[in-house]
Structure formats: C-alpha cells, structure tokens
Amino acid sequence: MCLGIPGQIIEITNVNHKLAIVDVGGVKRQVNIACIVDEEHPPEACIGDWVLVHVGFAMNRINEQEAAETLELLKELAAAQVEISN
C-alpha cells in the first residue's frame, strides 16, 4: 500500500521533462507529472490542479475537496501519533 499526499501544482518547471512544483501544505517540491498529462491535458494545463504525490510523482488528479479532507485526516493522524508517543 502506498500513501499519496495531496498537493497543488503551482508551477511547471520543465515541459519537456514533465516537471512541476507542487505545494504540499506550504512545502514546495518538484515532482514529475508524466502520469497525469496527455494530449487532452498537457503540462501547461496542470497549474492549479490538485494531485496525489507519491515518491516524487503526481500519480493522479483529485478535486480540491478530496485534497482538503485527506490533508485534515493526515493532520489528525499526526496529532494522534504525538499523543501516543507521550
């Protein structure tokens, strides 16, 4: 099982190599968007898209509500982990 972290594409850094900057909760990382682009949705059209990121790749597009719900669940899991550790 893998864990995809929601993030929003804010910039395309290299169209030829299909690289973009994704904002994940305020942390900006370069990711490969090859899995989510095609002729109907080229790299340039990805700015603003919400995606699930796993090991440096945007695996699929999701809607903003799904992203918000997932980010909230991850925050709750992190808080529970801190509570368990204390």
N, C-alpha and C. Protein backbone atom coordinates (compact mmCIF):
# COMPACT_ATOMS: atom_id res chain seq x y z
N MET A 1 0.84 -1.18 0.00
CA MET A 1 0.00 0.00 0.00
C MET A 1 0.88 1.24 0.00
N CYS A 2 0.49 2.23 -0.78
CA CYS A 2 1.26 3.46 -0.80
C CYS A 2 0.40 4.60 -0.27
N LEU A 3 1.07 5.65 0.13
CA LEU A 3 0.39 6.82 0.66
C LEU A 3 0.64 7.98 -0.28
N GLY A 4 -0.40 8.50 -0.88
CA GLY A 4 -0.29 9.68 -1.72
C GLY A 4 -0.65 10.90 -0.90
N ILE A 5 0.18 11.92 -0.98
CA ILE A 5 -0.03 13.16 -0.23
C ILE A 5 -0.61 14.20 -1.19
N PRO A 6 -1.72 14.85 -0.83
CA PRO A 6 -2.30 15.85 -1.71
C PRO A 6 -1.43 17.10 -1.81
N GLY A 7 -1.35 17.63 -3.00
CA GLY A 7 -0.65 18.89 -3.23
C GLY A 7 -1.23 19.58 -4.45
N GLN A 8 -0.93 20.87 -4.56
CA GLN A 8 -1.44 21.64 -5.68
C GLN A 8 -0.29 22.08 -6.57
N ILE A 9 -0.42 21.86 -7.86
CA ILE A 9 0.60 22.26 -8.82
C ILE A 9 0.55 23.78 -8.95
N ILE A 10 1.70 24.41 -8.69
CA ILE A 10 1.76 25.87 -8.73
C ILE A 10 2.63 26.41 -9.86
N GLU A 11 3.45 25.53 -10.44
CA GLU A 11 4.36 25.98 -11.50
C GLU A 11 4.83 24.79 -12.33
N ILE A 12 4.96 25.00 -13.62
CA ILE A 12 5.57 24.00 -14.49
C ILE A 12 7.02 24.44 -14.70
N THR A 13 7.97 23.59 -14.31
CA THR A 13 9.37 23.99 -14.40
C THR A 13 10.06 23.47 -15.65
N ASN A 14 9.57 22.36 -16.22
CA ASN A 14 10.18 21.82 -17.43
C ASN A 14 9.12 21.02 -18.19
N VAL A 15 8.62 21.62 -19.26
CA VAL A 15 7.57 20.97 -20.05
C VAL A 15 8.08 19.69 -20.68
N ASN A 16 9.29 19.70 -21.24
CA ASN A 16 9.83 18.53 -21.93
C ASN A 16 10.02 17.34 -21.00
N HIS A 17 10.47 17.59 -19.78
CA HIS A 17 10.68 16.50 -18.82
C HIS A 17 9.48 16.30 -17.90
N LYS A 18 8.44 17.10 -18.12
CA LYS A 18 7.18 16.99 -17.36
C LYS A 18 7.43 17.14 -15.85
N LEU A 19 8.07 18.25 -15.50
CA LEU A 19 8.36 18.55 -14.10
C LEU A 19 7.59 19.78 -13.65
N ALA A 20 7.12 19.73 -12.42
CA ALA A 20 6.33 20.83 -11.88
C ALA A 20 6.66 21.02 -10.40
N ILE A 21 6.32 22.20 -9.89
CA ILE A 21 6.43 22.47 -8.47
C ILE A 21 5.03 22.27 -7.86
N VAL A 22 4.99 21.48 -6.80
CA VAL A 22 3.74 21.20 -6.09
C VAL A 22 3.85 21.73 -4.68
N ASP A 23 2.81 22.41 -4.23
CA ASP A 23 2.74 22.91 -2.86
C ASP A 23 1.97 21.88 -2.04
N VAL A 24 2.67 21.30 -1.07
CA VAL A 24 2.06 20.32 -0.17
C VAL A 24 2.06 20.92 1.23
N GLY A 25 0.96 21.51 1.61
CA GLY A 25 0.85 22.10 2.94
C GLY A 25 1.89 23.17 3.21
N GLY A 26 2.23 23.96 2.22
CA GLY A 26 3.21 25.03 2.38
C GLY A 26 4.63 24.64 2.01
N VAL A 27 4.87 23.35 1.83
CA VAL A 27 6.19 22.86 1.42
C VAL A 27 6.17 22.67 -0.09
N LYS A 28 7.11 23.28 -0.77
CA LYS A 28 7.14 23.20 -2.23
C LYS A 28 8.20 22.21 -2.67
N ARG A 29 7.80 21.30 -3.56
CA ARG A 29 8.68 20.25 -4.05
C ARG A 29 8.50 20.09 -5.55
N GLN A 30 9.58 19.72 -6.21
CA GLN A 30 9.49 19.40 -7.63
C GLN A 30 9.03 17.95 -7.77
N VAL A 31 8.06 17.74 -8.65
CA VAL A 31 7.56 16.39 -8.90
C VAL A 31 7.44 16.16 -10.40
N ASN A 32 7.39 14.90 -10.77
CA ASN A 32 7.19 14.51 -12.15
C ASN A 32 5.68 14.36 -12.38
N ILE A 33 5.18 14.99 -13.44
CA ILE A 33 3.74 14.95 -13.71
C ILE A 33 3.40 14.08 -14.93
N ALA A 34 4.33 13.25 -15.37
CA ALA A 34 4.12 12.42 -16.56
C ALA A 34 2.88 11.53 -16.45
N CYS A 35 2.54 11.09 -15.25
CA CYS A 35 1.40 10.18 -15.07
C CYS A 35 0.05 10.87 -15.23
N ILE A 36 0.02 12.20 -15.18
CA ILE A 36 -1.27 12.89 -15.22
C ILE A 36 -1.47 13.75 -16.46
N VAL A 37 -0.51 13.72 -17.38
CA VAL A 37 -0.67 14.54 -18.59
C VAL A 37 -0.89 13.65 -19.82
N ASP A 38 -1.57 14.23 -20.79
CA ASP A 38 -1.77 13.59 -22.08
C ASP A 38 -2.09 14.69 -23.09
N GLU A 39 -2.46 14.32 -24.29
CA GLU A 39 -2.75 15.32 -25.32
C GLU A 39 -3.92 16.22 -24.93
N GLU A 40 -4.89 15.68 -24.20
CA GLU A 40 -6.06 16.46 -23.80
C GLU A 40 -5.81 17.32 -22.57
N HIS A 41 -4.80 16.99 -21.78
CA HIS A 41 -4.46 17.75 -20.58
C HIS A 41 -2.93 17.87 -20.51
N PRO A 42 -2.35 18.78 -21.34
CA PRO A 42 -0.89 18.93 -21.39
C PRO A 42 -0.34 19.57 -20.12
N PRO A 43 0.99 19.55 -19.93
CA PRO A 43 1.59 20.11 -18.73
C PRO A 43 1.13 21.53 -18.41
N GLU A 44 1.04 22.36 -19.43
CA GLU A 44 0.66 23.76 -19.21
C GLU A 44 -0.72 23.89 -18.59
N ALA A 45 -1.59 22.91 -18.79
CA ALA A 45 -2.95 22.95 -18.25
C ALA A 45 -3.02 22.46 -16.80
N CYS A 46 -1.91 22.02 -16.25
CA CYS A 46 -1.91 21.42 -14.91
C CYS A 46 -1.81 22.42 -13.77
N ILE A 47 -1.43 23.66 -14.07
CA ILE A 47 -1.29 24.64 -12.99
C ILE A 47 -2.65 24.81 -12.31
N GLY A 48 -2.62 24.68 -10.99
CA GLY A 48 -3.84 24.75 -10.19
C GLY A 48 -4.46 23.40 -9.89
N ASP A 49 -4.04 22.36 -10.60
CA ASP A 49 -4.58 21.02 -10.35
C ASP A 49 -4.15 20.52 -8.97
N TRP A 50 -5.05 19.81 -8.31
CA TRP A 50 -4.73 19.09 -7.09
C TRP A 50 -4.38 17.67 -7.48
N VAL A 51 -3.29 17.16 -6.91
CA VAL A 51 -2.80 15.83 -7.26
C VAL A 51 -2.40 15.06 -6.01
N LEU A 52 -2.33 13.73 -6.15
CA LEU A 52 -1.77 12.90 -5.10
C LEU A 52 -0.32 12.62 -5.48
N VAL A 53 0.59 12.95 -4.58
CA VAL A 53 2.03 12.80 -4.84
C VAL A 53 2.56 11.61 -4.05
N HIS A 54 3.30 10.77 -4.75
CA HIS A 54 3.95 9.62 -4.11
C HIS A 54 5.33 9.46 -4.72
N VAL A 55 6.35 9.39 -3.88
CA VAL A 55 7.76 9.24 -4.26
C VAL A 55 8.16 10.11 -5.45
N GLY A 56 7.76 11.38 -5.40
CA GLY A 56 8.19 12.33 -6.42
C GLY A 56 7.37 12.34 -7.70
N PHE A 57 6.27 11.62 -7.72
CA PHE A 57 5.41 11.59 -8.90
C PHE A 57 3.99 12.00 -8.53
N ALA A 58 3.38 12.82 -9.37
CA ALA A 58 1.96 13.11 -9.24
C ALA A 58 1.24 11.92 -9.87
N MET A 59 0.59 11.11 -9.04
CA MET A 59 0.01 9.86 -9.50
C MET A 59 -1.35 10.04 -10.17
N ASN A 60 -2.17 10.96 -9.66
CA ASN A 60 -3.44 11.25 -10.30
C ASN A 60 -3.99 12.57 -9.79
N ARG A 61 -4.92 13.14 -10.58
CA ARG A 61 -5.56 14.39 -10.19
C ARG A 61 -6.74 14.06 -9.26
N ILE A 62 -6.96 14.95 -8.31
CA ILE A 62 -8.10 14.84 -7.40
C ILE A 62 -8.76 16.21 -7.32
N ASN A 63 -9.96 16.26 -6.75
CA ASN A 63 -10.59 17.57 -6.61
C ASN A 63 -10.17 18.22 -5.29
N GLU A 64 -10.42 19.50 -5.19
CA GLU A 64 -9.96 20.27 -4.03
C GLU A 64 -10.57 19.75 -2.72
N GLN A 65 -11.82 19.32 -2.76
CA GLN A 65 -12.46 18.80 -1.55
C GLN A 65 -11.77 17.53 -1.07
N GLU A 66 -11.47 16.61 -1.99
CA GLU A 66 -10.75 15.39 -1.62
C GLU A 66 -9.40 15.73 -1.01
N ALA A 67 -8.72 16.71 -1.59
CA ALA A 67 -7.41 17.12 -1.08
C ALA A 67 -7.55 17.65 0.35
N ALA A 68 -8.52 18.52 0.58
CA ALA A 68 -8.72 19.10 1.91
C ALA A 68 -9.05 18.03 2.94
N GLU A 69 -9.92 17.10 2.57
CA GLU A 69 -10.29 16.02 3.50
C GLU A 69 -9.09 15.14 3.84
N THR A 70 -8.29 14.82 2.83
CA THR A 70 -7.12 13.97 3.07
C THR A 70 -6.09 14.70 3.93
N LEU A 71 -5.85 15.98 3.65
CA LEU A 71 -4.90 16.75 4.47
C LEU A 71 -5.37 16.82 5.92
N GLU A 72 -6.67 16.98 6.14
CA GLU A 72 -7.20 17.02 7.50
C GLU A 72 -7.00 15.68 8.20
N LEU A 73 -7.25 14.59 7.50
CA LEU A 73 -7.02 13.26 8.09
C LEU A 73 -5.55 13.05 8.44
N LEU A 74 -4.65 13.52 7.58
CA LEU A 74 -3.23 13.38 7.87
C LEU A 74 -2.82 14.19 9.09
N LYS A 75 -3.41 15.37 9.26
CA LYS A 75 -3.14 16.18 10.46
C LYS A 75 -3.63 15.46 11.71
N GLU A 76 -4.81 14.85 11.63
CA GLU A 76 -5.35 14.11 12.77
C GLU A 76 -4.47 12.90 13.11
N LEU A 77 -3.97 12.20 12.09
CA LEU A 77 -3.07 11.08 12.32
C LEU A 77 -1.78 11.53 12.98
N ALA A 78 -1.25 12.66 12.54
CA ALA A 78 -0.01 13.18 13.13
C ALA A 78 -0.24 13.55 14.60
N ALA A 79 -1.38 14.17 14.89
CA ALA A 79 -1.69 14.54 16.28
C ALA A 79 -1.85 13.29 17.14
N ALA A 80 -2.49 12.26 16.62
CA ALA A 80 -2.66 11.01 17.36
C ALA A 80 -1.32 10.36 17.62
N GLN A 81 -0.44 10.40 16.66
CA GLN A 81 0.91 9.83 16.82
C GLN A 81 1.67 10.54 17.93
N VAL A 82 1.56 11.85 17.99
CA VAL A 82 2.22 12.62 19.05
C VAL A 82 1.64 12.23 20.40
N GLU A 83 0.33 12.10 20.46
CA GLU A 83 -0.34 11.72 21.70
C GLU A 83 0.09 10.33 22.17
N ILE A 84 0.21 9.40 21.23
CA ILE A 84 0.63 8.03 21.57
C ILE A 84 2.07 8.02 22.08
N SER A 85 2.90 8.87 21.49
CA SER A 85 4.33 8.89 21.84
C SER A 85 4.57 9.49 23.21
N ASN A 86 3.62 10.25 23.72
CA ASN A 86 3.82 10.90 25.04
C ASN A 86 3.38 10.04 26.16
